């Protein structure tokens, strides 16, 4: 960036530039007096950089400023991460290579935002109009994820009536020591829930910044758990501190829920800008015990707002047999060298919204599933399987080696009215997927709208395509009916044909594709050939409109 006094070609000396600025101000003043309109300048948003615990190493590749504020960048397996909050207004972002070599090429995702930057030696500078989840690539460097959340507007006080600070007496939890603070946390959670229930509100557990080593935690009704920026709840995998809640046959390991709800609970919230950390490969070393970071089970009126879920060794967030759930401004940062680390799998639940989220990992970041009784992953859960209904995923950024967005694989119970809208698939094997692999129930009323597929760099089960809808016969067969796919921008179509493959007795039918723009085109396709949709079997009622 040039200083206001730095000579610019055609601008003359610094003195001339100052005179020009004065003249410009005078002209604008005169224009105002005469009632002549002039363009308004957008105000810059306030920036809050989140503190970074020492367990997360600094990036070796990048430094970052946003509106002049330095924002820490951490190194992660497969990509680097910077997190901040941005108040209402614009953000001028400067990304600099740490070794000061000149930038030769760059990309900024989501591409649909049309963000153009300027390069000055080792620094790329660009402006966004509001908080966004971005993925920036500079030549020769790992991708940089810049997660700009909206500013916090509901941060509670650190103490007072109805607020239970885990570091205060009688809890006195000490972070950053490696010692388990499970008892202190659980006692605070129980006290807050009791207060909330007695006063028809939510008791608030306040967690200040710091790294807290924890065993299993249980959430009761009328409770809010607030994680301040810089607060980390960390899993270790040491079996003595955890209860086995399921098994993952495909991974050959037992599972535990780090945080779960008590059955029949209601009115629970987890919010703030803190992190729930599964500790990745390190946590598998002690006992090969995998973790689901958050398991809202048999609950209603449950909300998550602003939390980061990081490095899960199994499916990170697993809402199950619950209703009226909201997940907003969540970040799902998983690794590319660990399998079956889905982001959020909504299972057997009703009235669920996932709004404004970024999901990264080897396996599916965003999907829906229904399972039979006694499924391995939650064989300790009582009750009977339930249908899934009215689930909406909105405003997503997805980066994965598998499916950008997906319905399935399990459809043992009906799945109805599942919507994915306003989605950017930064990279994947399959952009849009419906995989009825297991079960005999129907998947109905599925909608995919405003999907932007940027890259398809990977392959999953032989698929590397923008669209894959398939029915399997691993555990019976079931139909897929009523699929709407609209307003799709396919920037990369992959290397295999798009496919719709039902089975005899279980067709995929009533499929409407509208305004799907393929690479090299500016208008919507009108034929299967234009969509590269040439792998077709046992389907019916296919309509394509531009």
Protein backbone atom coordinates (compact mmCIF):
# COMPACT_ATOMS: atom_id res chain seq x y z
CA UNK A 1 0.00 0.00 0.00
CA UNK A 2 1.26 3.47 -0.83
CA UNK A 3 1.48 6.23 1.74
CA UNK A 4 -0.69 9.28 0.95
CA UNK A 5 2.55 11.18 0.42
CA UNK A 6 4.24 8.68 -1.85
CA UNK A 7 4.62 9.99 -5.41
CA UNK A 8 2.38 8.17 -7.90
CA UNK A 9 2.89 8.18 -11.63
CA UNK A 10 1.25 11.34 -13.01
CA UNK A 11 0.62 12.76 -9.53
CA UNK A 12 3.74 14.89 -9.13
CA UNK A 13 5.44 15.67 -5.83
CA UNK A 14 4.06 15.07 -2.31
CA UNK A 15 3.30 18.81 -2.12
CA UNK A 16 1.26 18.64 -5.32
CA UNK A 17 -0.59 15.58 -3.95
CA UNK A 18 -1.49 17.43 -0.73
CA UNK A 19 -2.73 20.40 -2.78
CA UNK A 20 -4.78 18.02 -4.91
CA UNK A 21 -6.37 16.51 -1.79
CA UNK A 22 -7.23 19.97 -0.48
CA UNK A 23 -8.73 20.96 -3.84
CA UNK A 24 -10.76 17.74 -3.90
CA UNK A 25 -12.14 18.48 -0.44
CA UNK A 26 -13.08 22.02 -1.50
CA UNK A 27 -14.82 20.75 -4.62
CA UNK A 28 -16.78 18.20 -2.61
CA UNK A 29 -17.80 20.92 -0.18
CA UNK A 30 -19.01 23.10 -3.03
CA UNK A 31 -20.86 20.12 -4.51
CA UNK A 32 -22.58 19.63 -1.19
CA UNK A 33 -23.67 23.26 -1.05
CA UNK A 34 -25.05 23.04 -4.59
CA UNK A 35 -26.85 19.78 -3.87
CA UNK A 36 -24.75 17.77 -6.33
CA UNK A 37 -24.61 14.11 -5.16
CA UNK A 38 -21.29 12.31 -4.79
CA UNK A 39 -20.51 8.70 -3.92
CA UNK A 40 -20.58 7.85 -0.21
CA UNK A 41 -17.53 6.15 1.24
CA UNK A 42 -18.29 2.91 3.10
CA UNK A 43 -17.12 2.96 6.71
CA UNK A 44 -14.58 0.43 7.91
CA UNK A 45 -15.85 -2.13 10.42
CA UNK A 46 -14.30 -2.52 13.85
CA UNK A 47 -11.96 -5.51 14.16
CA UNK A 48 -11.53 -7.86 17.11
CA UNK A 49 -8.69 -10.38 16.78
CA UNK A 50 -9.20 -13.52 18.85
CA UNK A 51 -6.38 -14.47 21.24
CA UNK A 52 -4.59 -17.65 20.20
CA UNK A 53 -3.49 -20.18 22.86
CA UNK A 54 0.14 -21.31 22.69
CA UNK A 55 -0.94 -24.87 21.80
CA UNK A 56 -1.60 -23.59 18.29
CA UNK A 57 1.64 -22.79 16.43
CA UNK A 58 2.01 -19.58 14.45
CA UNK A 59 1.94 -19.74 10.68
CA UNK A 60 5.32 -20.00 8.99
CA UNK A 61 3.90 -18.49 5.80
CA UNK A 62 1.60 -15.56 6.49
CA UNK A 63 0.98 -12.44 8.46
CA UNK A 64 -2.35 -10.66 8.29
CA UNK A 65 -3.83 -7.27 9.04
CA UNK A 66 -7.50 -6.30 8.82
CA UNK A 67 -8.33 -2.59 8.85
CA UNK A 68 -4.83 -2.03 10.20
CA UNK A 69 -5.26 -4.48 13.10
CA UNK A 70 -2.84 -7.40 13.28
CA UNK A 71 -4.67 -10.74 13.30
CA UNK A 72 -2.78 -13.90 14.37
CA UNK A 73 -2.43 -16.67 11.79
CA UNK A 74 -1.99 -20.25 13.00
CA UNK A 75 -0.47 -23.20 11.21
CA UNK A 76 -2.73 -26.22 10.75
CA UNK A 77 -2.47 -29.53 8.94
CA UNK A 78 -3.49 -28.79 5.35
CA UNK A 79 -4.17 -25.05 5.68
CA UNK A 80 -3.57 -22.03 7.88
CA UNK A 81 -6.27 -20.27 9.90
CA UNK A 82 -6.97 -16.69 10.98
CA UNK A 83 -10.07 -15.82 13.02
CA UNK A 84 -11.57 -12.48 13.95
CA UNK A 85 -14.81 -10.58 14.44
CA UNK A 86 -15.81 -7.72 12.16
CA UNK A 87 -18.32 -5.05 13.08
CA UNK A 88 -20.67 -3.50 10.57
CA UNK A 89 -18.68 -2.08 7.67
CA UNK A 90 -15.94 -2.99 5.23
CA UNK A 91 -12.69 -4.83 5.87
CA UNK A 92 -9.44 -4.03 4.09
CA UNK A 93 -7.37 -7.18 4.36
CA UNK A 94 -3.62 -7.40 3.76
CA UNK A 95 -2.01 -10.84 3.47
CA UNK A 96 1.80 -10.88 3.43
CA UNK A 97 4.24 -13.68 2.69
CA UNK A 98 6.59 -13.95 5.63
CA UNK A 99 9.72 -14.47 3.53
CA UNK A 100 8.93 -11.32 1.53
CA UNK A 101 9.13 -12.98 -1.89
CA UNK A 102 6.95 -11.32 -4.48
CA UNK A 103 3.47 -12.72 -5.11
CA UNK A 104 3.12 -14.11 -8.60
CA UNK A 105 -0.44 -15.40 -8.47
CA UNK A 106 -3.32 -15.52 -6.03
CA UNK A 107 -6.95 -16.55 -5.67
CA UNK A 108 -9.71 -15.48 -3.32
CA UNK A 109 -12.72 -17.68 -2.62
CA UNK A 110 -15.71 -17.42 -2.71
CA UNK A 111 -15.16 -16.48 -6.34
CA UNK A 112 -18.78 -15.34 -6.64
CA UNK A 113 -17.93 -12.31 -4.48
CA UNK A 114 -15.76 -11.03 -7.32
CA UNK A 115 -13.05 -9.80 -4.96
CA UNK A 116 -10.11 -8.23 -6.81
CA UNK A 117 -6.88 -7.54 -4.95
CA UNK A 118 -3.79 -5.48 -5.51
CA UNK A 119 -0.31 -6.90 -5.17
CA UNK A 120 2.66 -4.96 -3.88
CA UNK A 121 5.67 -7.28 -3.65
CA UNK A 122 4.90 -9.89 -0.96
CA UNK A 123 1.55 -8.35 0.06
CA UNK A 124 -1.94 -8.91 -1.33
CA UNK A 125 -4.54 -6.32 -0.31
CA UNK A 126 -8.27 -6.50 -0.94
CA UNK A 127 -11.54 -5.27 0.55
CA UNK A 128 -14.69 -7.14 1.52
CA UNK A 129 -17.98 -5.44 2.23
CA UNK A 130 -18.86 -7.32 5.43
CA UNK A 131 -17.91 -10.36 7.49
CA UNK A 132 -17.13 -13.36 5.30
CA UNK A 133 -15.54 -16.79 5.48
CA UNK A 134 -12.75 -16.65 2.89
CA UNK A 135 -10.09 -18.97 1.49
CA UNK A 136 -7.03 -17.20 0.08
CA UNK A 137 -4.26 -18.87 -1.91
CA UNK A 138 -0.90 -17.31 -2.68
CA UNK A 139 1.43 -19.05 -5.08
CA UNK A 140 3.56 -21.70 -3.40
CA UNK A 141 1.85 -21.41 -0.01
CA UNK A 142 -0.86 -23.35 1.80
CA UNK A 143 -4.37 -22.02 1.64
CA UNK A 144 -5.23 -19.41 4.25
CA UNK A 145 -8.70 -19.58 5.79
CA UNK A 146 -9.84 -16.18 7.04
CA UNK A 147 -12.91 -16.65 9.21
CA UNK A 148 -14.41 -13.23 9.89
CA UNK A 149 -17.39 -13.63 12.20
CA UNK A 150 -19.95 -10.92 12.85
CA UNK A 151 -19.18 -8.91 15.97
CA UNK A 152 -20.40 -10.34 19.25
CA UNK A 153 -23.54 -8.59 20.49
CA UNK A 154 -24.54 -10.97 23.29
CA UNK A 155 -21.38 -11.41 25.34
CA UNK A 156 -22.34 -11.79 29.01
CA UNK A 157 -20.66 -10.27 32.04
CA UNK A 158 -17.90 -12.37 33.58
CA UNK A 159 -19.84 -12.76 36.81
CA UNK A 160 -22.93 -11.74 38.73
CA UNK A 161 -26.36 -13.14 39.42
CA UNK A 162 -27.08 -16.15 37.25
CA UNK A 163 -23.52 -16.25 35.84
CA UNK A 164 -21.22 -19.07 36.89
CA UNK A 165 -17.57 -18.39 36.02
CA UNK A 166 -15.58 -21.62 35.95
CA UNK A 167 -12.46 -19.86 37.23
CA UNK A 168 -14.24 -18.36 40.24
CA UNK A 169 -14.89 -20.08 43.56
CA UNK A 170 -16.22 -22.62 44.27
CA UNK A 171 -15.22 -24.05 40.85
CA UNK A 172 -11.71 -22.61 40.52
CA UNK A 173 -10.91 -24.32 37.22
CA UNK A 174 -7.31 -23.63 36.23
CA UNK A 175 -6.57 -23.56 32.49
CA UNK A 176 -3.26 -24.16 30.72
CA UNK A 177 -2.03 -26.73 33.26
CA UNK A 178 -2.94 -30.00 31.53
CA UNK A 179 -4.84 -31.05 34.65
CA UNK A 180 -8.42 -32.19 34.12
CA UNK A 181 -11.05 -29.63 35.10
CA UNK A 182 -14.05 -31.85 34.41
CA UNK A 183 -15.49 -31.80 37.92
CA UNK A 184 -15.30 -28.02 38.19
CA UNK A 185 -16.96 -27.58 34.79
CA UNK A 186 -19.72 -30.11 35.44
CA UNK A 187 -20.52 -28.58 38.82
CA UNK A 188 -20.78 -25.12 37.25
CA UNK A 189 -23.00 -26.50 34.48
CA UNK A 190 -25.29 -28.19 36.99
CA UNK A 191 -25.53 -25.05 39.13
CA UNK A 192 -26.32 -22.89 36.11
CA UNK A 193 -29.02 -25.30 34.92
CA UNK A 194 -30.57 -25.35 38.39
CA UNK A 195 -30.60 -21.54 38.47
CA UNK A 196 -32.12 -21.34 35.01
CA UNK A 197 -34.84 -23.87 35.86
CA UNK A 198 -35.70 -22.09 39.11
CA UNK A 199 -35.93 -18.68 37.43
CA UNK A 200 -37.49 -19.53 34.05
CA UNK A 201 -34.35 -18.46 32.19
CA UNK A 202 -30.92 -19.82 31.28
CA UNK A 203 -28.17 -19.90 33.84
CA UNK A 204 -24.89 -18.94 32.15
CA UNK A 205 -21.57 -20.72 32.55
CA UNK A 206 -18.79 -18.29 31.63
CA UNK A 207 -15.51 -19.79 30.37
CA UNK A 208 -12.63 -17.26 30.17
CA UNK A 209 -9.74 -17.61 27.71
CA UNK A 210 -7.41 -20.55 28.33
CA UNK A 211 -7.03 -24.22 27.47
CA UNK A 212 -9.13 -26.54 29.63
CA UNK A 213 -8.46 -30.27 29.62
CA UNK A 214 -11.78 -32.09 29.99
CA UNK A 215 -13.54 -35.40 30.22
CA UNK A 216 -17.19 -35.83 29.26
CA UNK A 217 -19.55 -32.91 29.95
CA UNK A 218 -23.35 -33.11 30.17
CA UNK A 219 -25.77 -30.25 29.46
CA UNK A 220 -29.10 -29.99 31.27
CA UNK A 221 -32.15 -27.85 30.52
CA UNK A 222 -32.18 -24.06 30.86
CA UNK A 223 -28.45 -23.65 30.46
CA UNK A 224 -26.15 -21.42 28.39
CA UNK A 225 -22.45 -22.22 28.00
CA UNK A 226 -20.41 -19.19 26.94
CA UNK A 227 -16.88 -19.69 25.57
CA UNK A 228 -14.92 -16.44 25.44
CA UNK A 229 -12.51 -15.77 22.55
CA UNK A 230 -9.37 -17.79 23.30
CA UNK A 231 -11.21 -20.39 25.41
CA UNK A 232 -10.49 -23.98 24.33
CA UNK A 233 -12.25 -27.12 25.62
CA UNK A 234 -9.85 -29.94 24.78
CA UNK A 235 -10.24 -33.68 24.47
CA UNK A 236 -7.31 -36.01 25.25
CA UNK A 237 -8.44 -39.54 24.39
CA UNK A 238 -7.24 -40.98 27.71
CA UNK A 239 -9.85 -43.69 28.24
CA UNK A 240 -10.04 -43.37 32.03
CA UNK A 241 -11.67 -39.94 31.66
CA UNK A 242 -14.38 -40.87 29.13
CA UNK A 243 -17.47 -43.05 28.81
CA UNK A 244 -17.79 -45.15 25.66
CA UNK A 245 -21.02 -44.16 23.88
CA UNK A 246 -20.70 -46.02 20.59
CA UNK A 247 -18.43 -47.74 18.15
CA UNK A 248 -17.34 -46.98 14.61
CA UNK A 249 -17.11 -50.30 12.82
CA UNK A 250 -15.52 -48.76 9.74
CA UNK A 251 -12.80 -47.17 11.87
CA UNK A 252 -12.40 -50.07 14.28
CA UNK A 253 -12.61 -47.90 17.36
CA UNK A 254 -14.91 -46.95 20.20
CA UNK A 255 -16.41 -43.46 20.40
CA UNK A 256 -17.25 -40.97 23.11
CA UNK A 257 -19.22 -37.72 23.17
CA UNK A 258 -17.11 -34.89 24.56
CA UNK A 259 -20.20 -32.73 25.18
CA UNK A 260 -23.74 -34.10 25.09
CA UNK A 261 -27.23 -33.23 26.27
CA UNK A 262 -29.17 -35.09 28.89
CA UNK A 263 -32.17 -36.83 27.38
CA UNK A 264 -35.45 -34.83 27.25
CA UNK A 265 -33.57 -31.58 27.89
CA UNK A 266 -34.63 -28.24 26.45
CA UNK A 267 -33.58 -24.58 26.19
CA UNK A 268 -29.80 -25.01 25.88
CA UNK A 269 -27.29 -22.74 24.16
CA UNK A 270 -23.54 -22.88 23.47
CA UNK A 271 -22.20 -19.57 22.24
CA UNK A 272 -19.23 -17.22 22.07
CA UNK A 273 -16.06 -17.35 20.03
CA UNK A 274 -14.25 -20.21 21.74
CA UNK A 275 -13.09 -23.59 20.44
CA UNK A 276 -14.08 -27.20 21.10
CA UNK A 277 -10.98 -29.20 20.15
CA UNK A 278 -10.77 -32.94 19.46
CA UNK A 279 -6.95 -32.92 19.38
CA UNK A 280 -6.79 -35.03 16.22
CA UNK A 281 -4.22 -37.77 15.85
CA UNK A 282 -2.71 -37.01 19.24
CA UNK A 283 -5.94 -37.95 20.99
CA UNK A 284 -6.09 -41.34 19.26
CA UNK A 285 -2.67 -42.38 20.53
CA UNK A 286 -3.56 -43.24 24.18
CA UNK A 287 -6.52 -45.59 23.62
CA UNK A 288 -7.70 -45.31 19.99
CA UNK A 289 -10.87 -43.70 21.36
CA UNK A 290 -12.57 -41.52 18.77
CA UNK A 291 -14.64 -38.49 19.69
CA UNK A 292 -17.81 -36.72 18.62
CA UNK A 293 -17.26 -33.19 19.83
CA UNK A 294 -20.92 -32.26 20.33
CA UNK A 295 -23.90 -34.59 20.56
CA UNK A 296 -27.28 -32.87 21.02
CA UNK A 297 -29.43 -35.96 21.65
CA UNK A 298 -33.12 -36.10 22.59
CA UNK A 299 -33.15 -32.34 23.08
CA UNK A 300 -35.22 -29.41 21.83
CA UNK A 301 -34.72 -25.66 21.71
CA UNK A 302 -30.96 -26.12 21.30
CA UNK A 303 -28.69 -23.45 19.76
CA UNK A 304 -25.02 -23.06 18.88
CA UNK A 305 -23.70 -19.63 17.91
CA UNK A 306 -20.16 -18.65 16.91
CA UNK A 307 -18.26 -21.72 18.11
CA UNK A 308 -15.29 -23.33 16.33
CA UNK A 309 -15.12 -27.13 16.20
CA UNK A 310 -11.63 -28.34 15.50
CA UNK A 311 -9.76 -31.55 14.69
CA UNK A 312 -12.38 -34.18 15.43
CA UNK A 313 -11.37 -37.83 15.01
CA UNK A 314 -14.92 -38.84 14.07
CA UNK A 315 -18.07 -36.96 13.06
CA UNK A 316 -17.72 -33.64 14.85
CA UNK A 317 -21.31 -32.49 15.50
CA UNK A 318 -24.12 -35.07 15.56
CA UNK A 319 -27.63 -33.79 16.33
CA UNK A 320 -29.72 -36.92 16.90
CA UNK A 321 -33.46 -37.47 17.52
CA UNK A 322 -33.94 -33.81 18.42
CA UNK A 323 -36.06 -30.86 17.31
CA UNK A 324 -35.87 -27.08 16.97
CA UNK A 325 -32.11 -26.74 16.63
CA UNK A 326 -30.07 -23.82 15.29
CA UNK A 327 -26.37 -23.72 14.43
CA UNK A 328 -25.13 -20.28 13.38
CA UNK A 329 -21.71 -18.80 12.55
CA UNK A 330 -19.97 -22.12 13.19
CA UNK A 331 -16.56 -23.14 11.94
CA UNK A 332 -15.69 -26.82 11.38
CA UNK A 333 -11.92 -27.14 10.93
CA UNK A 334 -10.90 -30.76 10.42
CA UNK A 335 -7.85 -32.36 8.84
CA UNK A 336 -7.33 -33.87 5.41
CA UNK A 337 -5.17 -36.74 6.71
CA UNK A 338 -7.86 -38.28 8.97
CA UNK A 339 -10.91 -40.06 7.59
CA UNK A 340 -14.58 -40.09 8.67
CA UNK A 341 -14.26 -36.63 10.22
CA UNK A 342 -17.55 -35.21 8.95
CA UNK A 343 -18.42 -31.68 10.04
CA UNK A 344 -22.11 -31.71 11.01
CA UNK A 345 -24.34 -34.70 10.31
CA UNK A 346 -27.98 -33.96 11.12
CA UNK A 347 -29.61 -37.28 12.03
CA UNK A 348 -33.24 -38.21 12.72
CA UNK A 349 -34.12 -34.66 13.72
CA UNK A 350 -36.81 -32.08 12.87
CA UNK A 351 -36.76 -28.34 12.29
CA UNK A 352 -33.01 -27.84 12.14
CA UNK A 353 -31.17 -24.84 10.66
CA UNK A 354 -27.45 -24.54 9.94
CA UNK A 355 -26.88 -20.91 9.00
CA UNK A 356 -23.60 -19.25 7.93
CA UNK A 357 -20.94 -21.89 8.38
CA UNK A 358 -17.63 -23.03 6.95
CA UNK A 359 -16.80 -26.73 6.95
CA UNK A 360 -13.41 -28.20 6.03
CA UNK A 361 -12.15 -31.77 6.28
CA UNK A 362 -11.47 -34.98 4.45
CA UNK A 363 -15.06 -36.21 4.81
CA UNK A 364 -18.44 -34.57 4.22
CA UNK A 365 -18.73 -31.21 6.01
CA UNK A 366 -22.56 -30.99 5.73
CA UNK A 367 -24.97 -33.93 5.43
CA UNK A 368 -28.14 -35.62 6.70
CA UNK A 369 -28.64 -39.24 7.78
CA UNK A 370 -31.13 -41.63 9.37
CA UNK A 371 -30.15 -44.95 10.95
CA UNK A 372 -31.70 -48.16 12.32
CA UNK A 373 -32.05 -49.10 15.96
CA UNK A 374 -28.77 -50.21 17.48
CA UNK A 375 -26.54 -48.49 14.91
CA UNK A 376 -22.93 -48.84 15.93
CA UNK A 377 -22.22 -45.14 16.32
CA UNK A 378 -24.83 -44.66 19.05
CA UNK A 379 -25.65 -48.13 20.29
CA UNK A 380 -25.95 -46.79 23.85
CA UNK A 381 -28.86 -44.49 22.94
CA UNK A 382 -32.29 -45.79 24.01
CA UNK A 383 -35.51 -45.34 22.09
CA UNK A 384 -36.42 -45.94 18.47
CA UNK A 385 -35.22 -44.36 15.22
CA UNK A 386 -37.04 -41.27 13.96
CA UNK A 387 -37.67 -39.66 10.57
CA UNK A 388 -35.78 -36.54 9.55
CA UNK A 389 -37.84 -33.55 8.43
CA UNK A 390 -37.42 -29.85 7.65
CA UNK A 391 -33.65 -29.37 7.72
CA UNK A 392 -32.12 -26.28 6.11
CA UNK A 393 -28.46 -25.56 5.44
CA UNK A 394 -27.95 -21.93 4.45
CA UNK A 395 -24.93 -19.80 3.51
CA UNK A 396 -22.13 -22.37 3.56
CA UNK A 397 -18.53 -22.67 2.45
CA UNK A 398 -17.50 -26.31 1.99
CA UNK A 399 -14.02 -27.75 1.30
CA UNK A 400 -13.59 -31.50 1.34
CA UNK A 401 -12.19 -34.56 -0.39
CA UNK A 402 -15.74 -36.00 -0.52
CA UNK A 403 -19.15 -34.35 -1.05
CA UNK A 404 -19.61 -30.60 -0.81
CA UNK A 405 -23.22 -31.09 0.34
CA UNK A 406 -25.02 -34.41 0.64
CA UNK A 407 -28.20 -36.23 1.62
CA UNK A 408 -27.33 -39.71 2.88
CA UNK A 409 -25.77 -42.20 3.06
CA UNK A 410 -28.11 -43.76 5.65
CA UNK A 411 -31.84 -43.53 4.81
CA UNK A 412 -33.27 -46.16 7.14
CA UNK A 413 -35.98 -43.72 8.21
CA UNK A 414 -37.63 -41.17 5.88
CA UNK A 415 -35.80 -37.97 5.07
CA UNK A 416 -38.12 -35.18 3.94
CA UNK A 417 -37.71 -31.52 3.09
CA UNK A 418 -33.94 -31.13 3.16
CA UNK A 419 -32.65 -27.85 1.70
CA UNK A 420 -29.13 -26.68 0.86
CA UNK A 421 -29.03 -23.07 -0.33
CA UNK A 422 -26.45 -20.33 -0.91
CA UNK A 423 -23.50 -22.72 -0.89
CA UNK A 424 -19.94 -22.35 -2.14
CA UNK A 425 -18.14 -25.63 -2.77
CA UNK A 426 -14.55 -24.46 -2.71
CA UNK A 427 -13.26 -27.94 -3.58
CA UNK A 428 -14.59 -31.49 -3.41
CA UNK A 429 -14.92 -34.80 -5.22
CA UNK A 430 -18.67 -34.32 -5.72
CA UNK A 431 -20.35 -30.92 -5.57
CA UNK A 432 -23.98 -31.98 -4.97
CA UNK A 433 -24.81 -35.45 -3.73
CA UNK A 434 -27.74 -37.69 -2.85
CA UNK A 435 -26.53 -41.14 -1.82
CA UNK A 436 -29.29 -43.50 -0.69
CA UNK A 437 -26.81 -46.23 0.14
CA UNK A 438 -28.38 -47.86 3.20
CA UNK A 439 -32.01 -48.50 4.15
CA UNK A 440 -35.45 -48.81 2.57
CA UNK A 441 -37.12 -45.50 3.48
CA UNK A 442 -37.82 -42.69 1.03
CA UNK A 443 -35.87 -39.47 0.62
CA UNK A 444 -38.32 -36.82 -0.57
CA UNK A 445 -38.47 -33.10 -1.32
CA UNK A 446 -34.78 -32.38 -1.59
CA UNK A 447 -33.71 -28.91 -2.70
CA UNK A 448 -30.34 -27.52 -3.78
CA UNK A 449 -30.44 -23.83 -4.71
CA UNK A 450 -27.76 -21.21 -5.46
CA UNK A 451 -24.78 -23.56 -5.41
CA UNK A 452 -21.40 -22.36 -6.69
CA UNK A 453 -18.98 -25.19 -7.44
CA UNK A 454 -15.47 -23.80 -7.78
CA UNK A 455 -13.24 -26.87 -7.99
CA UNK A 456 -13.48 -30.66 -8.14
CA UNK A 457 -9.93 -31.81 -7.47
CA UNK A 458 -10.58 -35.17 -5.79
CA UNK A 459 -12.22 -38.53 -6.43
CA UNK A 460 -14.58 -40.47 -4.15
CA UNK A 461 -15.66 -44.00 -5.06
CA UNK A 462 -14.75 -43.22 -8.66
CA UNK A 463 -16.81 -40.01 -8.72
CA UNK A 464 -15.32 -36.65 -9.61
CA UNK A 465 -18.32 -34.72 -10.80
CA UNK A 466 -20.60 -31.82 -10.03
CA UNK A 467 -23.65 -34.05 -9.43
CA UNK A 468 -24.04 -37.62 -8.15
CA UNK A 469 -27.40 -39.10 -7.15
CA UNK A 470 -27.29 -42.83 -6.44
CA UNK A 471 -29.29 -45.61 -4.84
CA UNK A 472 -27.45 -48.54 -3.27
CA UNK A 473 -28.55 -51.98 -2.11
CA UNK A 474 -26.25 -52.53 0.87
CA UNK A 475 -29.19 -52.80 3.31
CA UNK A 476 -32.32 -52.89 1.16
CA UNK A 477 -33.35 -50.26 -1.36
CA UNK A 478 -35.48 -47.13 -1.18
CA UNK A 479 -36.68 -44.40 -3.55
CA UNK A 480 -35.62 -40.78 -3.96
CA UNK A 481 -38.48 -38.53 -5.07
CA UNK A 482 -38.76 -34.80 -5.69
CA UNK A 483 -35.31 -33.30 -6.22
CA UNK A 484 -34.97 -29.63 -7.22
CA UNK A 485 -31.57 -28.32 -8.31
CA UNK A 486 -31.56 -24.67 -9.30
CA UNK A 487 -29.28 -21.70 -9.90
CA UNK A 488 -26.04 -23.67 -9.98
CA UNK A 489 -22.76 -22.26 -11.26
CA UNK A 490 -20.41 -25.09 -12.22
CA UNK A 491 -16.95 -23.61 -12.69
CA UNK A 492 -15.34 -27.06 -12.82
CA UNK A 493 -17.31 -30.12 -13.93
CA UNK A 494 -14.74 -32.70 -12.80
CA UNK A 495 -13.56 -35.65 -14.87
CA UNK A 496 -16.43 -38.15 -14.63
CA UNK A 497 -19.99 -37.88 -15.91
CA UNK A 498 -22.70 -36.47 -13.71
CA UNK A 499 -24.99 -39.30 -12.69
CA UNK A 500 -28.53 -40.22 -11.65
CA UNK A 501 -28.65 -43.93 -10.90
CA UNK A 502 -31.63 -45.48 -9.14
CA UNK A 503 -32.38 -49.19 -8.93
CA UNK A 504 -35.31 -51.30 -10.17
CA UNK A 505 -38.01 -50.87 -7.55
CA UNK A 506 -36.25 -47.81 -6.10
CA UNK A 507 -36.03 -45.17 -8.79
CA UNK A 508 -34.84 -41.58 -8.51
CA UNK A 509 -37.75 -39.56 -9.88
CA UNK A 510 -39.36 -36.14 -10.23
CA UNK A 511 -36.06 -34.33 -10.81
CA UNK A 512 -36.06 -30.68 -11.82
CA UNK A 513 -32.86 -28.94 -12.89
CA UNK A 514 -33.12 -25.25 -13.69
CA UNK A 515 -30.53 -22.62 -14.58
CA UNK A 516 -27.45 -24.79 -14.23
CA UNK A 517 -24.57 -22.95 -15.91
CA UNK A 518 -21.72 -25.21 -16.95
CA UNK A 519 -18.07 -24.24 -17.54
CA UNK A 520 -17.58 -22.06 -20.60
CA UNK A 521 -21.22 -21.05 -20.75
CA UNK A 522 -23.18 -18.03 -19.58
CA UNK A 523 -26.63 -19.53 -19.93
CA UNK A 524 -28.42 -22.44 -18.33
CA UNK A 525 -28.13 -25.88 -19.87
CA UNK A 526 -31.14 -27.39 -21.63
CA UNK A 527 -30.06 -31.00 -22.27
CA UNK A 528 -28.45 -33.83 -20.30
CA UNK A 529 -25.48 -33.72 -22.67
CA UNK A 530 -24.85 -30.05 -21.90
CA UNK A 531 -24.90 -30.95 -18.19
CA UNK A 532 -22.49 -33.84 -18.78
CA UNK A 533 -25.33 -35.87 -17.29
CA UNK A 534 -24.77 -39.05 -19.25
CA UNK A 535 -24.71 -41.73 -16.54
CA UNK A 536 -28.45 -42.41 -16.18
CA UNK A 537 -30.43 -45.43 -15.05
CA UNK A 538 -33.72 -46.18 -13.27
CA UNK A 539 -34.86 -42.60 -13.12
CA UNK A 540 -37.97 -40.73 -14.20
CA UNK A 541 -39.51 -37.33 -14.60
CA UNK A 542 -36.33 -35.44 -15.43
CA UNK A 543 -36.94 -31.80 -16.40
CA UNK A 544 -34.21 -29.39 -17.48
CA UNK A 545 -34.91 -25.69 -17.97
CA UNK A 546 -32.46 -22.86 -18.66
